[in-house]
Amino acid sequence: MKYIDSERVVIKSWCNDIEENALAQARNLANLPFVFRQVCLMPDTHEGYGMPIGGVIATQGAVVPNAVGVDIGCGMLAVQTSLKEIDQSALKRILGIMRKTIPVGFNHHKESQDESLMPHMEDPALYPEVSRQYRSACKQIGTLGGGNHFIEVQKGSDGHVWFMIHSGSRNIGLKVASRHNRIAVDLNELWHVAVPKKWELAFLPLDSKEAAEYLREMRYCLEFALANRRLMATRVRDAFRDEIPDVTFVEEINIHHNYASMENHFGQNVLVHRKGATSAREGELGIIPGSQGTSSYIVRGKGNPDSFMSCSHGAGRKMGRQAAIRNLDLEAEKKALDEKGILHALRGKKDLEEAAGAYKDIDVVMEEQRDLVDIVVRLEPLAVIKG
């Protein structure tokens, strides 16, 4: 971990090769008047909107919507199966069933799903944006989405076949995040706050009704994102059972990596914002995925206070989406996956934005956070469905 102590609070970075724009965003964070004690950068840190992805801050008296991000509740779910081996022909049939039952990309269900699967709102009037998006969300629950979201079947170092899902709160999270960030921007301009607008770090005072409404809707999106992953996991289990009726499953591991929560650190109650970072309290199980074609990890947190008890949420991009499409070689990327025997999602040039070559080396990322987590299981990809 490196110290950068040139700003109002120290920046603690586990990322040894941080890009210039991400570091500039971290410096902005470190100069916010309400940021508590330190800014933490995980090994997968890269540039985001306002706050770098892979960043962790704690605040006193304020919440920053852009320090949570637009895909509120985006996270990971992993499940160990009873299988020790699975042949490719069976795996292909299982993937085929998944594709029929789990919409990906911009697709959603044609019919609303059972409303009992949706998180409960005690009073819809308290959730104005969630209420506006509720009906469409009923068709989006149990869908993967696009970008870097995926379903992956893996072989673990524990000898078991696993499956893993990476997805978030779909359009409802985006709408909630966008609405409340606009409110924060407008109010900050009205108040002539000292935080420059160009930093994209507009905030809401914690004692305001606007902050209360944002946090309430944010928590709903966290619940929706979990319900979304759980419904997909149910359909993944069904796909396995259709092909292998006697397969059984261990209880899921679930974490999210775009959220804010009230926690106690260094003797103070503070609002911890994790944007592309996950909780790593002592003994807590977590998930750190690699990229398409590389290892992923089940980990156990060490509870390191220097990181606000956090760790990375993945490998992290080293190349923007358009840069990946321009610069990576499609045939070379496909060959690398084919040689490993992975059933992958690389088809055309556009798919290069999610190729392994667009991401940091997961082994380096794991080495850089040895003081944050212990590795429990290493998972190697067998098959991938991408959004």
Protein backbone atom coordinates (compact mmCIF):
# COMPACT_ATOMS: atom_id res chain seq x y z
CA MET A 1 0.00 0.00 0.00
CA LYS A 2 1.29 3.44 -0.99
CA TYR A 3 0.68 6.72 0.85
CA ILE A 4 -0.03 9.96 -1.00
CA ASP A 5 -0.13 12.70 1.64
CA SER A 6 -0.22 15.86 -0.46
CA GLU A 7 -3.98 16.50 -0.01
CA ARG A 8 -6.33 17.32 2.89
CA VAL A 9 -6.51 13.64 3.86
CA VAL A 10 -4.12 10.85 2.93
CA ILE A 11 -4.71 8.64 -0.11
CA LYS A 12 -3.89 4.99 0.56
CA SER A 13 -3.43 3.08 -2.69
CA TRP A 14 -3.13 -0.67 -3.17
CA CYS A 15 -2.96 0.01 -6.91
CA ASN A 16 0.70 0.23 -7.87
CA ASP A 17 0.06 1.26 -11.47
CA ILE A 18 -2.73 3.80 -11.20
CA GLU A 19 -3.76 5.78 -14.27
CA GLU A 20 -3.38 9.55 -14.16
CA ASN A 21 -7.08 10.40 -14.45
CA ALA A 22 -8.05 8.02 -11.66
CA LEU A 23 -5.40 9.53 -9.39
CA ALA A 24 -6.67 13.04 -10.19
CA GLN A 25 -10.16 11.92 -9.15
CA ALA A 26 -8.74 10.48 -5.92
CA ARG A 27 -7.09 13.83 -5.17
CA ASN A 28 -10.45 15.54 -5.62
CA LEU A 29 -12.00 13.10 -3.16
CA ALA A 30 -9.21 13.71 -0.66
CA ASN A 31 -10.04 17.43 -0.67
CA LEU A 32 -13.77 17.10 0.00
CA PRO A 33 -14.48 18.86 3.32
CA PHE A 34 -16.61 16.01 4.66
CA VAL A 35 -14.35 13.06 3.77
CA PHE A 36 -13.17 11.20 6.87
CA ARG A 37 -9.55 10.29 7.55
CA GLN A 38 -8.45 8.78 4.18
CA VAL A 39 -9.25 7.84 0.58
CA CYS A 40 -8.64 4.19 -0.30
CA LEU A 41 -7.85 2.86 -3.78
CA MET A 42 -8.12 -0.85 -4.41
CA PRO A 43 -5.74 -2.68 -6.82
CA ASP A 44 -8.35 -2.67 -9.62
CA THR A 45 -8.77 1.13 -9.55
CA HIS A 46 -9.52 2.92 -12.82
CA GLU A 47 -11.28 6.11 -13.90
CA GLY A 48 -15.03 6.46 -13.29
CA TYR A 49 -17.58 9.29 -13.15
CA GLY A 50 -16.45 11.64 -10.39
CA MET A 51 -14.98 8.89 -8.23
CA PRO A 52 -12.63 6.20 -9.55
CA ILE A 53 -14.00 2.68 -9.74
CA GLY A 54 -12.18 0.74 -7.07
CA GLY A 55 -12.39 3.67 -4.65
CA VAL A 56 -13.58 3.73 -1.05
CA ILE A 57 -14.36 6.81 1.04
CA ALA A 58 -16.07 7.45 4.36
CA THR A 59 -18.01 10.67 4.90
CA GLN A 60 -19.42 12.55 7.86
CA GLY A 61 -22.64 14.48 7.33
CA ALA A 62 -22.96 13.93 3.57
CA VAL A 63 -23.72 11.32 0.91
CA VAL A 64 -22.31 11.50 -2.64
CA PRO A 65 -24.45 9.68 -5.26
CA ASN A 66 -21.57 9.51 -7.76
CA ALA A 67 -19.45 7.80 -5.09
CA VAL A 68 -21.91 4.91 -5.27
CA GLY A 69 -22.37 4.95 -9.03
CA VAL A 70 -25.15 4.33 -11.50
CA ASP A 71 -25.45 0.54 -11.17
CA ILE A 72 -26.48 0.59 -7.52
CA GLY A 73 -26.08 -2.82 -5.91
CA CYS A 74 -24.09 -4.33 -8.74
CA GLY A 75 -22.43 -7.39 -7.29
CA MET A 76 -21.54 -11.05 -7.38
CA LEU A 77 -23.20 -14.32 -6.48
CA ALA A 78 -21.32 -17.64 -6.40
CA VAL A 79 -22.56 -21.18 -5.74
CA GLN A 80 -20.62 -24.41 -5.31
CA THR A 81 -22.22 -27.47 -6.96
CA SER A 82 -21.83 -31.12 -5.98
CA LEU A 83 -20.27 -31.86 -9.38
CA LYS A 84 -16.60 -32.74 -9.58
CA GLU A 85 -16.50 -32.83 -13.39
CA ILE A 86 -18.73 -31.81 -16.30
CA ASP A 87 -18.21 -32.61 -19.97
CA GLN A 88 -18.44 -29.96 -22.66
CA SER A 89 -21.45 -31.45 -24.41
CA ALA A 90 -23.50 -31.34 -21.20
CA LEU A 91 -22.17 -27.86 -20.47
CA LYS A 92 -23.26 -26.63 -23.90
CA ARG A 93 -26.77 -27.94 -23.31
CA ILE A 94 -26.89 -26.26 -19.88
CA LEU A 95 -25.79 -22.96 -21.42
CA GLY A 96 -28.50 -23.31 -24.04
CA ILE A 97 -31.16 -23.65 -21.33
CA MET A 98 -29.75 -20.61 -19.50
CA ARG A 99 -29.95 -18.50 -22.64
CA LYS A 100 -33.62 -19.41 -23.05
CA THR A 101 -34.57 -18.53 -19.48
CA ILE A 102 -32.26 -15.59 -18.65
CA PRO A 103 -32.48 -12.54 -20.96
CA VAL A 104 -29.16 -10.77 -21.56
CA GLY A 105 -28.08 -7.35 -22.83
CA PHE A 106 -30.99 -4.96 -23.39
CA ASN A 107 -33.48 -7.83 -23.41
CA HIS A 108 -35.96 -8.42 -20.60
CA HIS A 109 -38.85 -10.77 -19.89
CA LYS A 110 -41.92 -10.31 -22.07
CA GLU A 111 -44.17 -10.79 -19.06
CA SER A 112 -43.88 -9.39 -15.55
CA GLN A 113 -42.33 -11.85 -13.10
CA ASP A 114 -44.05 -12.85 -9.87
CA GLU A 115 -44.28 -9.70 -7.72
CA SER A 116 -43.45 -11.73 -4.61
CA LEU A 117 -39.88 -11.74 -5.97
CA MET A 118 -39.71 -7.94 -5.79
CA PRO A 119 -38.48 -6.10 -2.68
CA HIS A 120 -41.25 -4.60 -0.56
CA MET A 121 -42.01 -0.87 -0.33
CA GLU A 122 -43.76 0.05 2.90
CA ASP A 123 -45.14 3.22 1.27
CA PRO A 124 -44.62 3.79 -2.50
CA ALA A 125 -44.89 7.55 -1.95
CA LEU A 126 -41.54 7.39 -0.12
CA TYR A 127 -39.91 5.89 -3.22
CA PRO A 128 -40.77 8.28 -6.08
CA GLU A 129 -38.27 7.06 -8.70
CA VAL A 130 -38.55 3.40 -7.71
CA SER A 131 -42.35 3.70 -8.02
CA ARG A 132 -42.00 5.18 -11.51
CA GLN A 133 -39.75 2.30 -12.60
CA TYR A 134 -41.51 -0.48 -10.71
CA ARG A 135 -43.58 -1.95 -13.54
CA SER A 136 -40.66 -2.16 -15.96
CA ALA A 137 -38.49 -3.58 -13.13
CA CYS A 138 -40.97 -6.44 -12.78
CA LYS A 139 -39.94 -7.49 -16.29
CA GLN A 140 -36.24 -6.91 -15.66
CA ILE A 141 -35.83 -8.96 -12.51
CA GLY A 142 -33.96 -12.14 -13.39
CA THR A 143 -32.10 -10.58 -16.34
CA LEU A 144 -28.37 -10.21 -16.77
CA GLY A 145 -27.91 -6.83 -18.45
CA GLY A 146 -24.95 -5.84 -20.60
CA GLY A 147 -21.44 -4.47 -20.29
CA ASN A 148 -19.23 -6.53 -17.99
CA HIS A 149 -22.06 -8.59 -16.52
CA PHE A 150 -21.74 -12.35 -16.92
CA ILE A 151 -22.71 -15.86 -15.90
CA GLU A 152 -19.75 -18.20 -15.63
CA VAL A 153 -19.35 -21.91 -14.92
CA GLN A 154 -16.03 -22.66 -13.25
CA LYS A 155 -13.84 -25.43 -11.85
CA GLY A 156 -12.60 -24.73 -8.33
CA SER A 157 -9.32 -25.56 -6.63
CA ASP A 158 -11.56 -27.35 -4.09
CA GLY A 159 -12.41 -29.91 -6.77
CA HIS A 160 -15.98 -28.70 -7.33
CA VAL A 161 -17.76 -27.10 -10.27
CA TRP A 162 -19.13 -23.65 -9.38
CA PHE A 163 -21.27 -21.04 -11.08
CA MET A 164 -20.96 -17.29 -10.66
CA ILE A 165 -23.24 -14.38 -11.61
CA HIS A 166 -22.24 -10.73 -11.96
CA SER A 167 -25.16 -8.33 -12.36
CA GLY A 168 -26.81 -5.30 -10.80
CA SER A 169 -30.01 -3.33 -10.44
CA ARG A 170 -30.64 -2.89 -14.16
CA ASN A 171 -32.51 0.24 -15.28
CA ILE A 172 -34.09 0.97 -11.91
CA GLY A 173 -30.67 1.56 -10.31
CA LEU A 174 -29.57 3.79 -13.17
CA LYS A 175 -32.71 5.92 -12.93
CA VAL A 176 -32.45 6.29 -9.15
CA ALA A 177 -28.75 7.20 -9.32
CA SER A 178 -29.25 9.70 -12.15
CA ARG A 179 -32.22 11.41 -10.51
CA HIS A 180 -30.56 11.93 -7.16
CA ASN A 181 -27.26 13.05 -8.66
CA ARG A 182 -29.19 15.72 -10.64
CA ILE A 183 -30.88 16.83 -7.43
CA ALA A 184 -27.49 17.05 -5.70
CA VAL A 185 -25.99 19.05 -8.59
CA ASP A 186 -28.90 21.52 -8.57
CA LEU A 187 -28.81 21.99 -4.81
CA ASN A 188 -25.02 22.39 -4.74
CA GLU A 189 -25.31 25.15 -7.36
CA LEU A 190 -28.08 26.82 -5.35
CA TRP A 191 -25.97 26.70 -2.18
CA HIS A 192 -22.75 27.85 -3.92
CA VAL A 193 -20.85 25.03 -2.27
CA ALA A 194 -17.05 24.90 -2.28
CA VAL A 195 -16.94 21.59 -4.18
CA PRO A 196 -16.29 22.41 -7.88
CA LYS A 197 -19.00 21.19 -10.24
CA LYS A 198 -16.37 19.80 -12.63
CA TRP A 199 -15.33 17.26 -9.98
CA GLU A 200 -18.73 15.50 -10.49
CA LEU A 201 -18.97 14.92 -6.72
CA ALA A 202 -22.20 16.72 -5.85
CA PHE A 203 -23.43 15.78 -2.36
CA LEU A 204 -26.53 15.76 -0.19
CA PRO A 205 -26.37 16.70 3.53
CA LEU A 206 -27.24 13.62 5.59
CA ASP A 207 -29.79 15.53 7.66
CA SER A 208 -31.74 16.61 4.55
CA LYS A 209 -34.92 15.01 3.22
CA GLU A 210 -33.17 14.64 -0.15
CA ALA A 211 -30.44 12.47 1.39
CA ALA A 212 -32.99 10.39 3.27
CA GLU A 213 -34.90 9.78 0.05
CA TYR A 214 -31.74 8.85 -1.88
CA LEU A 215 -30.57 6.40 0.79
CA ARG A 216 -34.03 4.83 1.00
CA GLU A 217 -34.19 4.33 -2.77
CA MET A 218 -30.54 3.21 -2.89
CA ARG A 219 -31.30 0.48 -0.32
CA TYR A 220 -34.29 -0.64 -2.40
CA CYS A 221 -31.99 -0.95 -5.41
CA LEU A 222 -29.57 -3.06 -3.35
CA GLU A 223 -32.42 -5.38 -2.49
CA PHE A 224 -33.58 -5.47 -6.11
CA ALA A 225 -30.06 -6.27 -7.36
CA LEU A 226 -29.83 -9.19 -4.92
CA ALA A 227 -33.31 -10.42 -5.89
CA ASN A 228 -32.26 -10.16 -9.54
CA ARG A 229 -29.16 -12.32 -8.99
CA ARG A 230 -31.13 -14.82 -6.91
CA LEU A 231 -33.78 -15.30 -9.58
CA MET A 232 -31.08 -15.86 -12.20
CA ALA A 233 -29.36 -18.30 -9.82
CA THR A 234 -32.63 -20.24 -9.48
CA ARG A 235 -32.80 -20.56 -13.25
CA VAL A 236 -29.14 -21.56 -13.49
CA ARG A 237 -29.79 -24.31 -10.92
CA ASP A 238 -32.84 -25.41 -12.95
CA ALA A 239 -30.67 -25.57 -16.08
CA PHE A 240 -28.16 -27.82 -14.29
CA ARG A 241 -30.94 -30.05 -12.93
CA ASP A 242 -32.51 -30.44 -16.39
CA GLU A 243 -29.25 -31.97 -17.59
CA ILE A 244 -27.99 -33.58 -14.35
CA PRO A 245 -31.02 -34.32 -12.11
CA ASP A 246 -29.07 -35.41 -9.01
CA VAL A 247 -26.86 -32.29 -8.78
CA THR A 248 -27.02 -30.40 -5.48
CA PHE A 249 -25.91 -26.92 -4.50
CA VAL A 250 -24.29 -25.28 -1.48
CA GLU A 251 -25.74 -22.04 -0.08
CA GLU A 252 -24.83 -19.00 -2.18
CA ILE A 253 -22.19 -16.38 -1.43
CA ASN A 254 -23.43 -12.88 -2.31
CA ILE A 255 -21.75 -9.50 -2.20
CA HIS A 256 -22.42 -6.10 -3.73
CA HIS A 257 -19.85 -3.49 -4.74
CA ASN A 258 -21.68 -0.20 -5.49
CA TYR A 259 -23.31 1.09 -2.31
CA ALA A 260 -23.06 3.24 0.81
CA SER A 261 -23.54 1.98 4.36
CA MET A 262 -23.24 3.40 7.85
CA GLU A 263 -20.32 1.69 9.61
CA ASN A 264 -18.00 2.27 12.53
CA HIS A 265 -14.33 2.88 11.68
CA PHE A 266 -11.58 4.34 13.86
CA GLY A 267 -14.16 4.88 16.60
CA GLN A 268 -16.50 6.98 14.43
CA ASN A 269 -19.85 6.24 12.78
CA VAL A 270 -19.30 7.14 9.13
CA LEU A 271 -21.03 6.57 5.79
CA VAL A 272 -18.73 4.30 3.80
CA HIS A 273 -19.09 4.60 0.00
CA ARG A 274 -17.74 1.65 -1.98
CA LYS A 275 -17.70 2.14 -5.74
CA GLY A 276 -16.36 -0.97 -7.41
CA ALA A 277 -15.10 -2.26 -4.06
CA THR A 278 -16.42 -4.84 -1.62
CA SER A 279 -16.53 -5.31 2.13
CA ALA A 280 -13.71 -7.45 3.56
CA ARG A 281 -14.37 -7.58 7.28
CA GLU A 282 -12.45 -10.17 9.27
CA GLY A 283 -13.74 -13.64 8.38
CA GLU A 284 -16.23 -12.32 5.78
CA LEU A 285 -16.48 -14.37 2.58
CA GLY A 286 -16.23 -12.42 -0.67
CA ILE A 287 -15.87 -12.86 -4.40
CA ILE A 288 -13.22 -11.31 -6.66
CA PRO A 289 -13.83 -12.20 -10.32
CA GLY A 290 -11.19 -12.08 -13.01
CA SER A 291 -11.90 -11.36 -16.65
CA GLN A 292 -13.27 -13.63 -19.35
CA GLY A 293 -10.67 -16.38 -19.56
CA THR A 294 -8.82 -15.77 -16.27
CA SER A 295 -9.14 -16.97 -12.68
CA SER A 296 -11.68 -15.74 -10.14
CA TYR A 297 -11.44 -16.08 -6.39
CA ILE A 298 -13.52 -16.82 -3.32
CA VAL A 299 -11.78 -14.87 -0.55
CA ARG A 300 -11.98 -14.28 3.19
CA GLY A 301 -11.57 -10.75 4.53
CA LYS A 302 -8.82 -9.79 6.96
CA GLY A 303 -10.59 -6.71 8.34
CA ASN A 304 -7.75 -4.32 7.51
CA PRO A 305 -8.73 -0.89 8.93
CA ASP A 306 -6.44 0.93 6.49
CA SER A 307 -8.84 0.03 3.64
CA PHE A 308 -12.01 0.63 5.67
CA MET A 309 -12.13 -3.20 5.66
CA SER A 310 -12.53 -3.33 1.87
CA CYS A 311 -10.99 -5.14 -1.10
CA SER A 312 -11.18 -5.02 -4.90
CA HIS A 313 -14.32 -6.00 -6.80
CA GLY A 314 -12.47 -7.64 -9.69
CA ALA A 315 -9.48 -7.33 -11.97
CA GLY A 316 -10.29 -3.80 -13.14
CA ARG A 317 -10.01 -2.41 -16.65
CA LYS A 318 -6.66 -1.40 -18.05
CA MET A 319 -8.19 -0.35 -21.38
CA GLY A 320 -11.40 1.55 -22.15
CA ARG A 321 -14.10 -0.17 -24.19
CA GLN A 322 -13.44 1.67 -27.43
CA ALA A 323 -9.68 1.35 -26.99
CA ALA A 324 -10.08 -2.41 -26.56
CA ILE A 325 -12.13 -2.67 -29.76
CA ARG A 326 -9.52 -0.63 -31.65
CA ASN A 327 -6.38 -2.24 -30.31
CA LEU A 328 -7.02 -5.87 -29.41
CA ASP A 329 -6.75 -8.69 -31.94
CA LEU A 330 -9.99 -10.67 -32.10
CA GLU A 331 -8.44 -13.86 -33.43
CA ALA A 332 -5.64 -13.80 -30.87
CA GLU A 333 -8.08 -13.28 -28.00
CA LYS A 334 -10.34 -16.08 -29.27
CA LYS A 335 -7.38 -18.42 -29.72
CA ALA A 336 -6.23 -17.84 -26.14
CA LEU A 337 -9.66 -18.87 -24.85
CA ASP A 338 -10.03 -21.79 -27.26
CA GLU A 339 -6.66 -23.19 -26.21
CA LYS A 340 -7.89 -23.27 -22.60
CA GLY A 341 -11.05 -25.11 -23.71
CA ILE A 342 -13.32 -22.31 -22.50
CA LEU A 343 -16.80 -21.93 -23.99
CA HIS A 344 -16.59 -18.17 -24.42
CA ALA A 345 -18.59 -15.18 -25.63
CA LEU A 346 -16.15 -13.64 -28.14
CA ARG A 347 -17.87 -13.52 -31.53
CA GLY A 348 -17.20 -10.22 -33.25
CA LYS A 349 -15.05 -7.11 -32.98
CA LYS A 350 -17.41 -5.37 -30.54
CA ASP A 351 -17.02 -8.21 -28.05
CA LEU A 352 -13.38 -7.19 -27.58
CA GLU A 353 -14.50 -4.60 -25.03
CA GLU A 354 -14.90 -7.54 -22.64
CA ALA A 355 -11.88 -9.58 -23.78
CA ALA A 356 -9.31 -10.66 -21.19
CA GLY A 357 -6.78 -8.32 -22.82
CA ALA A 358 -8.88 -5.29 -21.76
CA TYR A 359 -8.38 -6.11 -18.07
CA LYS A 360 -5.56 -6.00 -15.56
CA ASP A 361 -3.70 -9.17 -14.62
CA ILE A 362 -5.84 -10.71 -11.86
CA ASP A 363 -2.79 -12.40 -10.30
CA VAL A 364 -1.11 -9.01 -9.87
CA VAL A 365 -4.33 -7.58 -8.42
CA MET A 366 -4.51 -10.42 -5.90
CA GLU A 367 -0.85 -10.02 -4.94
CA GLU A 368 -1.37 -6.30 -4.30
CA GLN A 369 -4.12 -7.00 -1.75
CA ARG A 370 -2.51 -9.81 0.25
CA ASP A 371 -3.04 -7.72 3.39
CA LEU A 372 -6.77 -7.31 2.67
CA VAL A 373 -7.95 -10.88 1.91
CA ASP A 374 -6.94 -14.53 2.01
CA ILE A 375 -7.71 -16.78 -0.95
CA VAL A 376 -10.15 -19.61 -0.12
CA VAL A 377 -10.87 -21.08 -3.57
CA ARG A 378 -9.38 -20.32 -6.98
CA LEU A 379 -11.88 -20.74 -9.81
CA GLU A 380 -10.95 -21.40 -13.45
CA PRO A 381 -13.52 -20.64 -16.19
CA LEU A 382 -15.16 -23.45 -18.13
CA ALA A 383 -17.93 -21.49 -19.88
CA VAL A 384 -19.09 -17.87 -20.06
CA ILE A 385 -22.32 -16.09 -20.98
CA LYS A 386 -21.78 -12.34 -21.40
CA GLY A 387 -24.31 -9.55 -21.42
